[in-house]
Protein backbone atom coordinates (compact mmCIF):
# COMPACT_ATOMS: atom_id res chain seq x y z
CA UNK A 1 0.00 0.00 0.00
CA UNK A 2 1.15 3.49 -0.74
CA UNK A 3 3.87 2.29 -3.09
CA UNK A 4 4.18 3.29 -6.73
CA UNK A 5 1.98 1.00 -8.81
CA UNK A 6 -0.16 -0.30 -5.94
CA UNK A 7 -3.41 1.05 -7.43
CA UNK A 8 -2.56 -0.57 -10.77
CA UNK A 9 -1.78 -3.84 -9.01
CA UNK A 10 -5.12 -3.65 -7.24
CA UNK A 11 -6.99 -3.21 -10.53
CA UNK A 12 -5.12 -6.17 -12.02
CA UNK A 13 -6.03 -8.34 -9.04
CA UNK A 14 -9.70 -7.46 -9.39
CA UNK A 15 -9.57 -8.22 -13.13
CA UNK A 16 -7.87 -11.56 -12.48
CA UNK A 17 -10.43 -12.44 -9.80
CA UNK A 18 -13.24 -11.91 -12.32
CA UNK A 19 -11.84 -14.75 -14.44
CA UNK A 20 -12.91 -13.05 -17.63
CA UNK A 21 -11.52 -14.83 -20.67
CA UNK A 22 -10.75 -11.77 -22.76
CA UNK A 23 -10.10 -8.06 -22.65
CA UNK A 24 -13.57 -7.48 -24.11
CA UNK A 25 -15.18 -9.50 -21.30
CA UNK A 26 -13.17 -7.52 -18.74
CA UNK A 27 -14.38 -4.31 -20.38
CA UNK A 28 -17.98 -5.54 -20.15
CA UNK A 29 -17.50 -6.34 -16.46
CA UNK A 30 -16.12 -2.82 -15.86
CA UNK A 31 -19.07 -1.28 -17.68
CA UNK A 32 -21.58 -3.33 -15.69
CA UNK A 33 -19.91 -2.44 -12.41
CA UNK A 34 -19.75 1.23 -13.38
CA UNK A 35 -23.46 1.18 -14.13
CA UNK A 36 -24.24 -0.56 -10.83
CA UNK A 37 -25.62 -3.64 -12.57
CA UNK A 38 -25.16 -6.86 -10.65
CA UNK A 39 -26.55 -10.40 -10.69
CA UNK A 40 -24.25 -11.55 -13.48
CA UNK A 41 -22.02 -14.62 -13.61
CA UNK A 42 -19.00 -15.21 -15.85
CA UNK A 43 -18.69 -18.59 -17.56
CA UNK A 44 -22.17 -19.77 -16.57
CA UNK A 45 -22.69 -23.42 -17.59
CA UNK A 46 -25.63 -24.24 -19.85
CA UNK A 47 -25.72 -27.72 -21.33
CA UNK A 48 -22.40 -28.45 -22.99
CA UNK A 49 -21.49 -24.75 -23.17
CA UNK A 50 -20.39 -21.88 -20.95
CA UNK A 51 -22.07 -18.52 -21.44
CA UNK A 52 -19.53 -15.67 -21.49
CA UNK A 53 -21.59 -13.58 -19.07
CA UNK A 54 -25.03 -14.57 -17.83
CA UNK A 55 -27.82 -13.17 -15.73
CA UNK A 56 -29.28 -16.53 -14.65
CA UNK A 57 -32.29 -15.11 -12.77
CA UNK A 58 -33.45 -13.26 -15.92
CA UNK A 59 -32.21 -15.96 -18.32
CA UNK A 60 -30.12 -13.41 -20.23
CA UNK A 61 -26.96 -14.62 -21.93
CA UNK A 62 -24.34 -12.20 -23.21
CA UNK A 63 -21.72 -13.38 -25.66
CA UNK A 64 -18.71 -11.21 -26.42
CA UNK A 65 -17.41 -11.83 -29.92
CA UNK A 66 -13.84 -11.07 -30.92
CA UNK A 67 -12.07 -11.30 -34.26
CA UNK A 68 -9.17 -13.33 -32.91
CA UNK A 69 -11.40 -16.11 -31.64
CA UNK A 70 -13.64 -16.27 -34.72
CA UNK A 71 -10.97 -16.42 -37.43
CA UNK A 72 -11.15 -20.21 -37.30
CA UNK A 73 -14.19 -21.53 -39.26
CA UNK A 74 -14.79 -24.34 -36.75
CA UNK A 75 -14.87 -21.90 -33.85
CA UNK A 76 -17.23 -19.64 -35.78
CA UNK A 77 -19.60 -22.55 -36.52
CA UNK A 78 -19.45 -23.78 -32.93
CA UNK A 79 -20.31 -20.29 -31.68
CA UNK A 80 -23.41 -20.28 -33.91
CA UNK A 81 -24.44 -23.69 -32.49
CA UNK A 82 -23.88 -22.35 -28.98
CA UNK A 83 -26.06 -19.31 -29.69
CA UNK A 84 -28.80 -21.49 -31.11
CA UNK A 85 -28.64 -23.77 -28.07
CA UNK A 86 -28.93 -20.77 -25.74
CA UNK A 87 -32.05 -19.46 -27.47
CA UNK A 88 -33.61 -22.93 -27.77
CA UNK A 89 -33.10 -23.26 -24.02
CA UNK A 90 -35.39 -20.27 -23.47
CA UNK A 91 -32.75 -17.62 -22.82
CA UNK A 92 -32.46 -14.15 -24.37
CA UNK A 93 -29.13 -13.73 -26.15
CA UNK A 94 -27.26 -10.47 -26.66
CA UNK A 95 -24.01 -10.29 -28.61
CA UNK A 96 -21.42 -7.55 -28.31
CA UNK A 97 -18.04 -6.94 -29.87
CA UNK A 98 -15.00 -5.24 -28.40
CA UNK A 99 -15.56 -2.30 -30.75
CA UNK A 100 -19.20 -1.95 -29.74
CA UNK A 101 -18.39 -2.06 -26.03
CA UNK A 102 -15.43 0.29 -26.40
CA UNK A 103 -16.92 2.81 -28.84
CA UNK A 104 -20.52 2.80 -27.60
CA UNK A 105 -20.41 1.77 -23.94
CA UNK A 106 -23.54 3.70 -22.97
CA UNK A 107 -25.59 2.14 -25.77
CA UNK A 108 -24.38 -1.31 -24.74
CA UNK A 109 -25.42 -0.73 -21.12
CA UNK A 110 -28.81 0.65 -22.20
CA UNK A 111 -29.45 -2.46 -24.29
CA UNK A 112 -28.52 -4.75 -21.41
CA UNK A 113 -30.59 -2.72 -18.92
CA UNK A 114 -33.65 -2.71 -21.18
CA UNK A 115 -33.38 -6.46 -21.76
CA UNK A 116 -33.07 -7.09 -18.01
CA UNK A 117 -36.08 -4.85 -17.31
CA UNK A 118 -38.18 -6.66 -19.91
CA UNK A 119 -37.26 -10.01 -18.34
CA UNK A 120 -38.25 -8.88 -14.83
C-alpha atoms as a PDB file:
ATOM      1  CA  UNK A   1       0.000   0.000   0.000  1.00  0.00           C
ATOM      2  CA  UNK A   2       1.155   3.495  -0.738  1.00  0.00           C
ATOM      3  CA  UNK A   3       3.868   2.291  -3.091  1.00  0.00           C
ATOM      4  CA  UNK A   4       4.177   3.286  -6.732  1.00  0.00           C
ATOM      5  CA  UNK A   5       1.976   1.001  -8.808  1.00  0.00           C
ATOM      6  CA  UNK A   6      -0.165  -0.299  -5.939  1.00  0.00           C
ATOM      7  CA  UNK A   7      -3.405   1.050  -7.432  1.00  0.00           C
ATOM      8  CA  UNK A   8      -2.562  -0.569 -10.766  1.00  0.00           C
ATOM      9  CA  UNK A   9      -1.776  -3.843  -9.011  1.00  0.00           C
ATOM     10  CA  UNK A  10      -5.122  -3.648  -7.241  1.00  0.00           C
ATOM     11  CA  UNK A  11      -6.991  -3.205 -10.526  1.00  0.00           C
ATOM     12  CA  UNK A  12      -5.118  -6.168 -12.016  1.00  0.00           C
ATOM     13  CA  UNK A  13      -6.025  -8.344  -9.036  1.00  0.00           C
ATOM     14  CA  UNK A  14      -9.702  -7.456  -9.393  1.00  0.00           C
ATOM     15  CA  UNK A  15      -9.572  -8.222 -13.133  1.00  0.00           C
ATOM     16  CA  UNK A  16      -7.874 -11.559 -12.478  1.00  0.00           C
ATOM     17  CA  UNK A  17     -10.426 -12.441  -9.804  1.00  0.00           C
ATOM     18  CA  UNK A  18     -13.241 -11.912 -12.322  1.00  0.00           C
ATOM     19  CA  UNK A  19     -11.840 -14.752 -14.435  1.00  0.00           C
ATOM     20  CA  UNK A  20     -12.912 -13.049 -17.634  1.00  0.00           C
ATOM     21  CA  UNK A  21     -11.522 -14.830 -20.669  1.00  0.00           C
ATOM     22  CA  UNK A  22     -10.752 -11.770 -22.762  1.00  0.00           C
ATOM     23  CA  UNK A  23     -10.099  -8.058 -22.654  1.00  0.00           C
ATOM     24  CA  UNK A  24     -13.567  -7.484 -24.112  1.00  0.00           C
ATOM     25  CA  UNK A  25     -15.177  -9.496 -21.301  1.00  0.00           C
ATOM     26  CA  UNK A  26     -13.168  -7.523 -18.741  1.00  0.00           C
ATOM     27  CA  UNK A  27     -14.382  -4.312 -20.375  1.00  0.00           C
ATOM     28  CA  UNK A  28     -17.980  -5.542 -20.153  1.00  0.00           C
ATOM     29  CA  UNK A  29     -17.503  -6.337 -16.464  1.00  0.00           C
ATOM     30  CA  UNK A  30     -16.116  -2.821 -15.859  1.00  0.00           C
ATOM     31  CA  UNK A  31     -19.071  -1.282 -17.680  1.00  0.00           C
ATOM     32  CA  UNK A  32     -21.581  -3.326 -15.691  1.00  0.00           C
ATOM     33  CA  UNK A  33     -19.913  -2.441 -12.408  1.00  0.00           C
ATOM     34  CA  UNK A  34     -19.747   1.228 -13.375  1.00  0.00           C
ATOM     35  CA  UNK A  35     -23.465   1.180 -14.133  1.00  0.00           C
ATOM     36  CA  UNK A  36     -24.242  -0.565 -10.831  1.00  0.00           C
ATOM     37  CA  UNK A  37     -25.619  -3.639 -12.566  1.00  0.00           C
ATOM     38  CA  UNK A  38     -25.163  -6.864 -10.645  1.00  0.00           C
ATOM     39  CA  UNK A  39     -26.546 -10.402 -10.689  1.00  0.00           C
ATOM     40  CA  UNK A  40     -24.248 -11.551 -13.481  1.00  0.00           C
ATOM     41  CA  UNK A  41     -22.018 -14.621 -13.614  1.00  0.00           C
ATOM     42  CA  UNK A  42     -18.997 -15.212 -15.848  1.00  0.00           C
ATOM     43  CA  UNK A  43     -18.690 -18.588 -17.563  1.00  0.00           C
ATOM     44  CA  UNK A  44     -22.168 -19.774 -16.570  1.00  0.00           C
ATOM     45  CA  UNK A  45     -22.693 -23.422 -17.592  1.00  0.00           C
ATOM     46  CA  UNK A  46     -25.629 -24.235 -19.853  1.00  0.00           C
ATOM     47  CA  UNK A  47     -25.723 -27.722 -21.328  1.00  0.00           C
ATOM     48  CA  UNK A  48     -22.404 -28.448 -22.989  1.00  0.00           C
ATOM     49  CA  UNK A  49     -21.495 -24.752 -23.166  1.00  0.00           C
ATOM     50  CA  UNK A  50     -20.389 -21.880 -20.953  1.00  0.00           C
ATOM     51  CA  UNK A  51     -22.069 -18.516 -21.442  1.00  0.00           C
ATOM     52  CA  UNK A  52     -19.531 -15.666 -21.493  1.00  0.00           C
ATOM     53  CA  UNK A  53     -21.587 -13.580 -19.073  1.00  0.00           C
ATOM     54  CA  UNK A  54     -25.034 -14.570 -17.831  1.00  0.00           C
ATOM     55  CA  UNK A  55     -27.824 -13.174 -15.725  1.00  0.00           C
ATOM     56  CA  UNK A  56     -29.281 -16.533 -14.650  1.00  0.00           C
ATOM     57  CA  UNK A  57     -32.291 -15.106 -12.772  1.00  0.00           C
ATOM     58  CA  UNK A  58     -33.445 -13.261 -15.916  1.00  0.00           C
ATOM     59  CA  UNK A  59     -32.209 -15.961 -18.315  1.00  0.00           C
ATOM     60  CA  UNK A  60     -30.125 -13.410 -20.231  1.00  0.00           C
ATOM     61  CA  UNK A  61     -26.961 -14.622 -21.935  1.00  0.00           C
ATOM     62  CA  UNK A  62     -24.337 -12.202 -23.209  1.00  0.00           C
ATOM     63  CA  UNK A  63     -21.719 -13.385 -25.658  1.00  0.00           C
ATOM     64  CA  UNK A  64     -18.706 -11.209 -26.422  1.00  0.00           C
ATOM     65  CA  UNK A  65     -17.405 -11.827 -29.924  1.00  0.00           C
ATOM     66  CA  UNK A  66     -13.840 -11.065 -30.919  1.00  0.00           C
ATOM     67  CA  UNK A  67     -12.067 -11.298 -34.264  1.00  0.00           C
ATOM     68  CA  UNK A  68      -9.165 -13.328 -32.911  1.00  0.00           C
ATOM     69  CA  UNK A  69     -11.400 -16.111 -31.640  1.00  0.00           C
ATOM     70  CA  UNK A  70     -13.642 -16.274 -34.718  1.00  0.00           C
ATOM     71  CA  UNK A  71     -10.967 -16.417 -37.427  1.00  0.00           C
ATOM     72  CA  UNK A  72     -11.146 -20.212 -37.297  1.00  0.00           C
ATOM     73  CA  UNK A  73     -14.194 -21.527 -39.258  1.00  0.00           C
ATOM     74  CA  UNK A  74     -14.792 -24.342 -36.753  1.00  0.00           C
ATOM     75  CA  UNK A  75     -14.869 -21.900 -33.847  1.00  0.00           C
ATOM     76  CA  UNK A  76     -17.232 -19.644 -35.776  1.00  0.00           C
ATOM     77  CA  UNK A  77     -19.602 -22.546 -36.523  1.00  0.00           C
ATOM     78  CA  UNK A  78     -19.454 -23.780 -32.928  1.00  0.00           C
ATOM     79  CA  UNK A  79     -20.308 -20.293 -31.682  1.00  0.00           C
ATOM     80  CA  UNK A  80     -23.412 -20.280 -33.911  1.00  0.00           C
ATOM     81  CA  UNK A  81     -24.440 -23.689 -32.494  1.00  0.00           C
ATOM     82  CA  UNK A  82     -23.883 -22.352 -28.982  1.00  0.00           C
ATOM     83  CA  UNK A  83     -26.058 -19.309 -29.688  1.00  0.00           C
ATOM     84  CA  UNK A  84     -28.801 -21.486 -31.114  1.00  0.00           C
ATOM     85  CA  UNK A  85     -28.645 -23.773 -28.069  1.00  0.00           C
ATOM     86  CA  UNK A  86     -28.927 -20.772 -25.736  1.00  0.00           C
ATOM     87  CA  UNK A  87     -32.051 -19.459 -27.470  1.00  0.00           C
ATOM     88  CA  UNK A  88     -33.609 -22.929 -27.774  1.00  0.00           C
ATOM     89  CA  UNK A  89     -33.104 -23.258 -24.017  1.00  0.00           C
ATOM     90  CA  UNK A  90     -35.387 -20.270 -23.469  1.00  0.00           C
ATOM     91  CA  UNK A  91     -32.747 -17.621 -22.821  1.00  0.00           C
ATOM     92  CA  UNK A  92     -32.460 -14.154 -24.371  1.00  0.00           C
ATOM     93  CA  UNK A  93     -29.125 -13.727 -26.147  1.00  0.00           C
ATOM     94  CA  UNK A  94     -27.259 -10.469 -26.657  1.00  0.00           C
ATOM     95  CA  UNK A  95     -24.006 -10.293 -28.608  1.00  0.00           C
ATOM     96  CA  UNK A  96     -21.423  -7.554 -28.306  1.00  0.00           C
ATOM     97  CA  UNK A  97     -18.037  -6.940 -29.875  1.00  0.00           C
ATOM     98  CA  UNK A  98     -14.998  -5.236 -28.396  1.00  0.00           C
ATOM     99  CA  UNK A  99     -15.560  -2.297 -30.749  1.00  0.00           C
ATOM    100  CA  UNK A 100     -19.201  -1.954 -29.743  1.00  0.00           C
ATOM    101  CA  UNK A 101     -18.390  -2.064 -26.031  1.00  0.00           C
ATOM    102  CA  UNK A 102     -15.429   0.295 -26.404  1.00  0.00           C
ATOM    103  CA  UNK A 103     -16.916   2.807 -28.835  1.00  0.00           C
ATOM    104  CA  UNK A 104     -20.520   2.801 -27.602  1.00  0.00           C
ATOM    105  CA  UNK A 105     -20.409   1.768 -23.940  1.00  0.00           C
ATOM    106  CA  UNK A 106     -23.537   3.704 -22.971  1.00  0.00           C
ATOM    107  CA  UNK A 107     -25.590   2.143 -25.766  1.00  0.00           C
ATOM    108  CA  UNK A 108     -24.385  -1.311 -24.739  1.00  0.00           C
ATOM    109  CA  UNK A 109     -25.419  -0.726 -21.120  1.00  0.00           C
ATOM    110  CA  UNK A 110     -28.805   0.650 -22.202  1.00  0.00           C
ATOM    111  CA  UNK A 111     -29.452  -2.458 -24.294  1.00  0.00           C
ATOM    112  CA  UNK A 112     -28.519  -4.746 -21.407  1.00  0.00           C
ATOM    113  CA  UNK A 113     -30.593  -2.719 -18.922  1.00  0.00           C
ATOM    114  CA  UNK A 114     -33.649  -2.714 -21.177  1.00  0.00           C
ATOM    115  CA  UNK A 115     -33.383  -6.455 -21.758  1.00  0.00           C
ATOM    116  CA  UNK A 116     -33.068  -7.095 -18.006  1.00  0.00           C
ATOM    117  CA  UNK A 117     -36.076  -4.847 -17.307  1.00  0.00           C
ATOM    118  CA  UNK A 118     -38.179  -6.663 -19.912  1.00  0.00           C
ATOM    119  CA  UNK A 119     -37.259 -10.011 -18.343  1.00  0.00           C
ATOM    120  CA  UNK A 120     -38.255  -8.884 -14.830  1.00  0.00           C
END
